């Protein structure tokens, strides 16, 4: 049977979704007289600010009930001060250092709009419908922006330093004829990556995505730093892509790495350089963080972003640890929307174009 194309979700690029969300944000800002600015650049963004002049403090990027709850919780409100990586190069106003959650297309703001709403979480309890959808107990507490730590392999330098210290200790014991001098206990493996998890709900880690272009890429050498990589993943099956770029010189201060000038007598163009990178670097780190913490992991993204969904499934296909693979999940904002209160559903439709699945 041929599938009705109208029933299939549309494929949206990151750029198209950003433009749609900023158009929606601008409309809401103008009609609701919300404090906002627009950034400069090829893809301007709407930036909202806290409106202190209103009868009740409000922020255009948040549902009013969610924002009130955020401001009343010191742990949650601290999240509002998370600096945006682009605030120095893309300005809204000279006197306004905007934060990441001020941006109209912030996935972190969308996450807090949902899980800080009093009909989703209040009195230290999660809405039972939402809890059942996520497969977690109702008494689970939301923790935003945690850093569980992802164990890394000990570097060669670290192992060499430990071996040298051990040799020195033995030599000292021999000199003073004290063969039984106790040595210092072996240091624990404290090398850890500072990967951030957007939301922790008990033993469930969630990574929220909205208009991000991808899940980051990295060289295989960078990926191989992680202690449990081969335990969880078949490295050969991780998604890869080849990046081709014209040759570039290092900074002039680094004279040792300067290339020899290319001869121009033959008229042969300078060959391009290519390198292979692994896709989904952020997902790989998140999965390893969940494994080390004995937790589950869920990607939360928009059903219109088929590219992000396909990348996540390609990462899943490389997992070869059967008893852990079942803990890895995907949930879309549209699916989550079905479990939310009506006023929040209306807000998500107007601001993000997110409708119940």
Protein backbone atom coordinates (compact mmCIF):
# COMPACT_ATOMS: atom_id res chain seq x y z
CA UNK A 1 0.00 0.00 0.00
CA UNK A 2 1.34 3.43 -0.89
CA UNK A 3 1.85 5.70 2.07
CA UNK A 4 -0.05 8.97 2.05
CA UNK A 5 2.65 11.67 1.86
CA UNK A 6 0.50 14.00 3.95
CA UNK A 7 0.69 11.59 6.89
CA UNK A 8 4.50 11.47 6.91
CA UNK A 9 6.33 14.12 8.97
CA UNK A 10 8.10 16.74 6.86
CA UNK A 11 11.90 16.77 6.68
CA UNK A 12 13.26 20.04 8.01
CA UNK A 13 16.86 21.19 7.95
CA UNK A 14 18.38 22.91 10.97
CA UNK A 15 18.41 26.23 9.09
CA UNK A 16 14.76 25.99 8.04
CA UNK A 17 13.64 25.16 11.57
CA UNK A 18 15.68 28.06 12.98
CA UNK A 19 14.04 30.49 10.57
CA UNK A 20 10.58 29.20 11.46
CA UNK A 21 11.20 29.44 15.22
CA UNK A 22 12.58 32.96 14.95
CA UNK A 23 9.61 34.07 12.86
CA UNK A 24 7.27 32.64 15.49
CA UNK A 25 9.29 34.30 18.28
CA UNK A 26 9.19 37.68 16.57
CA UNK A 27 5.42 37.44 16.13
CA UNK A 28 4.94 36.50 19.81
CA UNK A 29 7.29 39.25 20.92
CA UNK A 30 5.45 41.95 18.96
CA UNK A 31 1.91 40.83 19.75
CA UNK A 32 2.69 40.18 23.41
CA UNK A 33 4.90 43.27 23.82
CA UNK A 34 7.73 41.12 25.17
CA UNK A 35 11.22 42.44 25.83
CA UNK A 36 13.37 41.22 22.95
CA UNK A 37 16.13 42.07 20.50
CA UNK A 38 17.33 40.67 17.18
CA UNK A 39 20.93 39.66 16.57
CA UNK A 40 22.92 40.70 13.52
CA UNK A 41 24.37 38.25 11.01
CA UNK A 42 23.26 36.15 8.06
CA UNK A 43 20.70 34.28 10.19
CA UNK A 44 19.38 36.76 12.78
CA UNK A 45 17.97 35.29 15.98
CA UNK A 46 15.38 36.62 18.39
CA UNK A 47 16.74 37.10 21.91
CA UNK A 48 14.33 37.50 24.80
CA UNK A 49 15.02 39.20 28.11
CA UNK A 50 13.52 39.33 31.59
CA UNK A 51 10.80 41.99 31.71
CA UNK A 52 10.92 43.64 35.12
CA UNK A 53 8.33 46.28 34.20
CA UNK A 54 5.42 43.84 33.96
CA UNK A 55 3.12 43.24 36.94
CA UNK A 56 4.63 39.76 37.20
CA UNK A 57 8.23 39.12 36.07
CA UNK A 58 8.16 37.37 32.73
CA UNK A 59 10.54 36.18 30.07
CA UNK A 60 9.40 35.81 26.46
CA UNK A 61 11.26 32.54 25.99
CA UNK A 62 9.29 30.80 28.72
CA UNK A 63 5.74 29.84 29.57
CA UNK A 64 4.73 32.14 32.43
CA UNK A 65 3.99 29.29 34.85
CA UNK A 66 7.28 27.57 34.02
CA UNK A 67 9.27 30.77 34.42
CA UNK A 68 7.69 31.51 37.79
CA UNK A 69 8.65 28.02 38.98
CA UNK A 70 12.20 28.41 37.65
CA UNK A 71 12.71 31.71 39.47
CA UNK A 72 11.47 30.16 42.72
CA UNK A 73 14.02 27.33 42.52
CA UNK A 74 17.66 28.35 43.06
CA UNK A 75 19.04 25.29 41.26
CA UNK A 76 16.84 25.88 38.23
CA UNK A 77 17.35 29.64 38.08
CA UNK A 78 21.13 29.14 38.03
CA UNK A 79 20.65 27.50 34.64
CA UNK A 80 19.44 30.85 33.27
CA UNK A 81 22.97 32.25 33.68
CA UNK A 82 24.53 29.75 31.26
CA UNK A 83 26.52 31.84 28.79
CA UNK A 84 25.90 31.41 25.07
CA UNK A 85 29.01 30.44 23.11
CA UNK A 86 28.21 33.05 20.43
CA UNK A 87 27.34 36.04 22.62
CA UNK A 88 30.71 37.72 22.04
CA UNK A 89 30.67 37.52 18.25
CA UNK A 90 26.93 37.99 17.68
CA UNK A 91 25.52 40.93 19.57
CA UNK A 92 21.96 42.01 20.20
CA UNK A 93 22.69 45.18 22.15
CA UNK A 94 25.97 46.48 23.46
CA UNK A 95 24.64 46.60 27.01
CA UNK A 96 23.01 43.16 26.96
CA UNK A 97 25.11 40.04 27.52
CA UNK A 98 22.51 37.51 26.52
CA UNK A 99 22.55 33.95 27.79
CA UNK A 100 21.97 30.65 26.05
CA UNK A 101 18.43 30.24 27.35
CA UNK A 102 17.47 33.72 26.09
CA UNK A 103 17.70 32.51 22.49
CA UNK A 104 14.37 31.68 20.84
CA UNK A 105 15.65 28.38 19.46
CA UNK A 106 17.34 27.14 22.65
CA UNK A 107 16.67 23.44 23.24
CA UNK A 108 17.58 23.90 26.92
CA UNK A 109 14.84 26.53 27.28
CA UNK A 110 12.34 24.19 25.62
CA UNK A 111 13.36 21.43 28.04
CA UNK A 112 12.83 23.69 31.07
CA UNK A 113 9.55 25.02 29.70
CA UNK A 114 8.24 21.47 29.89
CA UNK A 115 9.78 19.95 33.00
CA UNK A 116 9.54 23.06 35.18
CA UNK A 117 5.83 23.58 34.46
CA UNK A 118 3.88 23.11 37.73
CA UNK A 119 1.48 20.67 36.04
CA UNK A 120 4.43 18.54 34.98
CA UNK A 121 6.49 18.74 38.17
CA UNK A 122 5.35 20.07 41.55
CA UNK A 123 5.43 19.03 45.20
CA UNK A 124 8.52 16.93 44.39
CA UNK A 125 6.53 14.70 42.06
CA UNK A 126 6.46 14.26 38.32
CA UNK A 127 3.18 14.11 36.42
CA UNK A 128 2.31 10.36 36.34
CA UNK A 129 1.52 10.42 32.61
CA UNK A 130 4.89 11.98 31.81
CA UNK A 131 6.66 9.60 34.21
CA UNK A 132 5.01 6.57 32.59
CA UNK A 133 5.97 7.79 29.12
CA UNK A 134 9.61 8.08 30.20
CA UNK A 135 9.55 4.86 32.22
CA UNK A 136 10.65 6.46 35.49
CA UNK A 137 9.10 6.75 39.01
CA UNK A 138 6.84 9.73 39.74
CA UNK A 139 9.04 10.85 42.65
CA UNK A 140 11.97 11.50 40.29
CA UNK A 141 13.56 14.96 40.64
CA UNK A 142 14.70 16.94 37.55
CA UNK A 143 18.38 17.97 37.59
CA UNK A 144 19.48 20.22 34.73
CA UNK A 145 23.01 20.47 33.36
CA UNK A 146 24.82 17.77 35.34
CA UNK A 147 28.39 16.57 34.74
CA UNK A 148 28.56 12.87 35.63
CA UNK A 149 32.07 12.43 34.24
CA UNK A 150 33.07 10.05 31.45
CA UNK A 151 36.13 7.91 32.33
CA UNK A 152 39.15 8.31 30.08
CA UNK A 153 42.06 5.98 29.54
CA UNK A 154 45.19 6.84 31.46
CA UNK A 155 47.65 8.58 29.20
CA UNK A 156 51.12 7.20 28.48
CA UNK A 157 52.63 10.13 30.36
CA UNK A 158 50.52 9.36 33.42
CA UNK A 159 51.56 5.70 33.41
CA UNK A 160 55.23 6.63 32.95
CA UNK A 161 55.03 9.08 35.86
CA UNK A 162 53.52 6.42 38.13
CA UNK A 163 56.18 3.88 37.11
CA UNK A 164 58.96 6.40 37.82
CA UNK A 165 57.50 7.21 41.24
CA UNK A 166 57.26 3.49 42.09
CA UNK A 167 60.90 2.94 41.07
CA UNK A 168 62.06 5.88 43.19
CA UNK A 169 60.18 4.54 46.22
CA UNK A 170 61.82 1.13 45.85
CA UNK A 171 65.26 2.73 45.50
CA UNK A 172 64.75 4.79 48.66
CA UNK A 173 63.70 1.68 50.61
CA UNK A 174 66.82 -0.16 49.41
CA UNK A 175 69.19 2.67 50.40
CA UNK A 176 67.93 2.73 53.97
CA UNK A 177 67.70 -1.08 54.18
CA UNK A 178 63.99 -0.93 54.78
CA UNK A 179 62.56 -3.43 52.32
CA UNK A 180 59.15 -3.24 53.91
CA UNK A 181 58.71 0.54 53.71
CA UNK A 182 55.07 0.98 52.74
CA UNK A 183 54.52 2.76 49.45
CA UNK A 184 51.71 5.21 48.74
CA UNK A 185 48.46 3.55 47.64
CA UNK A 186 47.84 3.57 43.93
CA UNK A 187 45.93 6.66 42.82
CA UNK A 188 42.46 6.01 41.46
CA UNK A 189 41.73 6.72 37.82
CA UNK A 190 40.56 10.33 38.08
CA UNK A 191 40.80 11.19 34.39
CA UNK A 192 37.28 12.13 33.29
CA UNK A 193 35.64 14.11 30.52
CA UNK A 194 33.37 16.99 31.63
CA UNK A 195 30.51 16.03 29.31
CA UNK A 196 27.28 17.80 30.23
CA UNK A 197 23.93 16.03 30.43
CA UNK A 198 21.00 18.35 29.71
CA UNK A 199 18.61 16.67 32.14
CA UNK A 200 18.84 13.88 34.68
CA UNK A 201 15.64 12.23 35.82
CA UNK A 202 16.73 9.62 38.35
CA UNK A 203 18.58 6.94 36.40
CA UNK A 204 17.60 8.47 33.04
CA UNK A 205 19.86 10.93 31.18
CA UNK A 206 18.30 13.10 28.46
CA UNK A 207 19.96 15.03 25.65
CA UNK A 208 17.71 17.73 24.16
CA UNK A 209 18.07 18.88 20.54
CA UNK A 210 16.10 21.34 18.45
CA UNK A 211 17.88 23.42 15.79
CA UNK A 212 21.44 22.19 16.35
CA UNK A 213 23.09 21.27 13.04
CA UNK A 214 24.48 17.94 14.22
CA UNK A 215 25.78 15.93 17.16
CA UNK A 216 29.39 17.09 16.57
CA UNK A 217 32.22 15.22 14.88
CA UNK A 218 35.64 14.16 16.14
CA UNK A 219 38.73 12.31 14.98
CA UNK A 220 39.01 8.64 15.85
CA UNK A 221 42.05 9.42 18.00
CA UNK A 222 39.92 11.74 20.15
CA UNK A 223 37.18 9.12 20.47
CA UNK A 224 39.65 6.41 21.46
CA UNK A 225 40.57 8.31 24.66
CA UNK A 226 37.47 6.90 26.38
CA UNK A 227 37.97 3.92 28.66
CA UNK A 228 34.75 2.03 27.85
CA UNK A 229 34.57 2.80 24.13
CA UNK A 230 35.37 -0.70 22.88
CA UNK A 231 33.22 -2.29 25.57
CA UNK A 232 30.12 -0.51 24.27
CA UNK A 233 30.81 0.16 20.60
CA UNK A 234 32.01 -1.69 17.55
CA UNK A 235 34.32 1.14 16.46
CA UNK A 236 34.30 0.06 12.82
CA UNK A 237 30.52 0.53 12.68
CA UNK A 238 30.45 4.07 14.06
CA UNK A 239 29.22 6.52 11.40
CA UNK A 240 32.02 8.28 9.55
CA UNK A 241 32.35 10.96 6.92
CA UNK A 242 35.24 12.35 4.92
CA UNK A 243 35.94 16.07 5.07
CA UNK A 244 37.90 17.57 2.20
CA UNK A 245 39.49 20.99 2.49
CA UNK A 246 42.16 23.03 0.80
CA UNK A 247 45.58 22.94 2.49
CA UNK A 248 46.20 25.69 4.99
CA UNK A 249 49.35 26.82 6.75
CA UNK A 250 49.64 26.79 10.56
CA UNK A 251 50.20 30.10 12.38
CA UNK A 252 53.47 31.73 11.30
CA UNK A 253 54.86 31.34 14.81
CA UNK A 254 54.96 27.57 14.25
CA UNK A 255 57.79 27.54 11.68
CA UNK A 256 58.48 23.83 12.13
CA UNK A 257 55.19 22.83 10.50
CA UNK A 258 55.34 25.14 7.49
CA UNK A 259 55.11 23.29 4.19
CA UNK A 260 57.58 23.58 1.39
CA UNK A 261 56.35 26.02 -1.27
CA UNK A 262 54.45 24.27 -4.05
CA UNK A 263 56.12 24.47 -7.42
CA UNK A 264 54.09 26.48 -9.90
CA UNK A 265 56.12 25.56 -12.98
CA UNK A 266 54.07 22.46 -13.74
CA UNK A 267 50.79 24.27 -13.36
CA UNK A 268 49.48 21.43 -11.15
CA UNK A 269 46.98 22.72 -8.57
CA UNK A 270 47.72 22.15 -4.90
CA UNK A 271 45.97 18.91 -3.89
CA UNK A 272 43.16 19.14 -1.37
CA UNK A 273 43.46 17.46 2.00
CA UNK A 274 40.94 15.01 3.31
CA UNK A 275 40.37 13.51 6.72
CA UNK A 276 37.88 11.06 8.13
CA UNK A 277 35.90 11.99 11.22
CA UNK A 278 33.39 10.10 13.32
CA UNK A 279 29.89 11.52 13.55
CA UNK A 280 27.77 11.70 16.69
CA UNK A 281 30.68 12.49 19.03
CA UNK A 282 28.31 14.08 21.55
CA UNK A 283 26.04 11.03 21.53
CA UNK A 284 28.99 8.69 22.00
CA UNK A 285 30.07 10.62 25.10
CA UNK A 286 26.52 10.67 26.47
CA UNK A 287 26.12 6.92 25.99
CA UNK A 288 29.43 6.28 27.75
CA UNK A 289 28.37 8.58 30.60
CA UNK A 290 25.14 6.63 31.04
CA UNK A 291 27.03 3.32 30.99
CA UNK A 292 29.49 4.44 33.68
CA UNK A 293 26.61 5.75 35.84
CA UNK A 294 24.51 2.60 35.33
CA UNK A 295 21.80 4.81 33.81
CA UNK A 296 19.61 4.88 30.71
CA UNK A 297 19.95 7.49 27.97
CA UNK A 298 17.32 9.16 25.80
CA UNK A 299 17.68 11.56 22.87
CA UNK A 300 14.85 14.12 22.82
CA UNK A 301 14.50 15.86 19.46
CA UNK A 302 12.01 17.19 16.93
CA UNK A 303 10.30 14.68 14.66
CA UNK A 304 10.95 17.04 11.72
CA UNK A 305 14.72 16.63 12.14
CA UNK A 306 15.17 13.34 10.30
CA UNK A 307 18.92 13.99 10.02
CA UNK A 308 19.41 13.99 13.80
CA UNK A 309 17.21 10.92 14.21
CA UNK A 310 19.16 9.01 11.55
CA UNK A 311 22.48 9.90 13.20
CA UNK A 312 21.19 8.59 16.54
CA UNK A 313 20.10 5.30 14.96
CA UNK A 314 23.49 4.94 13.27
CA UNK A 315 25.12 5.27 16.70
CA UNK A 316 22.70 2.69 18.12
CA UNK A 317 23.64 0.29 15.32
CA UNK A 318 27.25 0.36 16.53
CA UNK A 319 26.38 -0.65 20.11
CA UNK A 320 27.39 -4.28 20.68
CA UNK A 321 26.74 -4.57 24.41
CA UNK A 322 23.31 -6.30 24.40
CA UNK A 323 22.45 -5.90 28.08
CA UNK A 324 22.99 -2.13 27.81
CA UNK A 325 21.55 -1.43 24.35
CA UNK A 326 17.94 -1.66 25.57
CA UNK A 327 18.56 1.34 27.83
CA UNK A 328 19.13 3.65 24.84
CA UNK A 329 16.01 5.43 23.58
CA UNK A 330 14.59 8.10 21.30
CA UNK A 331 11.64 10.36 22.12
CA UNK A 332 10.39 13.29 20.07
CA UNK A 333 9.01 16.54 21.43
CA UNK A 334 5.80 15.73 19.57
CA UNK A 335 5.43 12.40 21.40
CA UNK A 336 6.16 14.02 24.75
CA UNK A 337 3.59 16.72 23.95
CA UNK A 338 0.76 14.17 24.15
CA UNK A 339 1.34 13.83 27.92
CA UNK A 340 1.43 17.56 28.69
CA UNK A 341 -1.27 19.90 30.08
CA UNK A 342 -3.38 21.82 27.54
CA UNK A 343 -2.00 25.29 28.28
CA UNK A 344 1.54 24.05 27.77
CA UNK A 345 0.53 22.29 24.55
CA UNK A 346 -0.88 25.58 23.26
CA UNK A 347 2.34 27.38 24.16
CA UNK A 348 4.51 24.78 22.40
CA UNK A 349 2.36 24.97 19.28
CA UNK A 350 2.53 28.78 19.08
CA UNK A 351 6.22 29.16 19.92
CA UNK A 352 7.78 26.01 18.45
CA UNK A 353 5.22 24.59 16.05
CA UNK A 354 5.22 21.40 18.12
CA UNK A 355 1.94 19.51 17.93
CA UNK A 356 1.03 16.26 19.75
CA UNK A 357 2.13 13.23 17.72
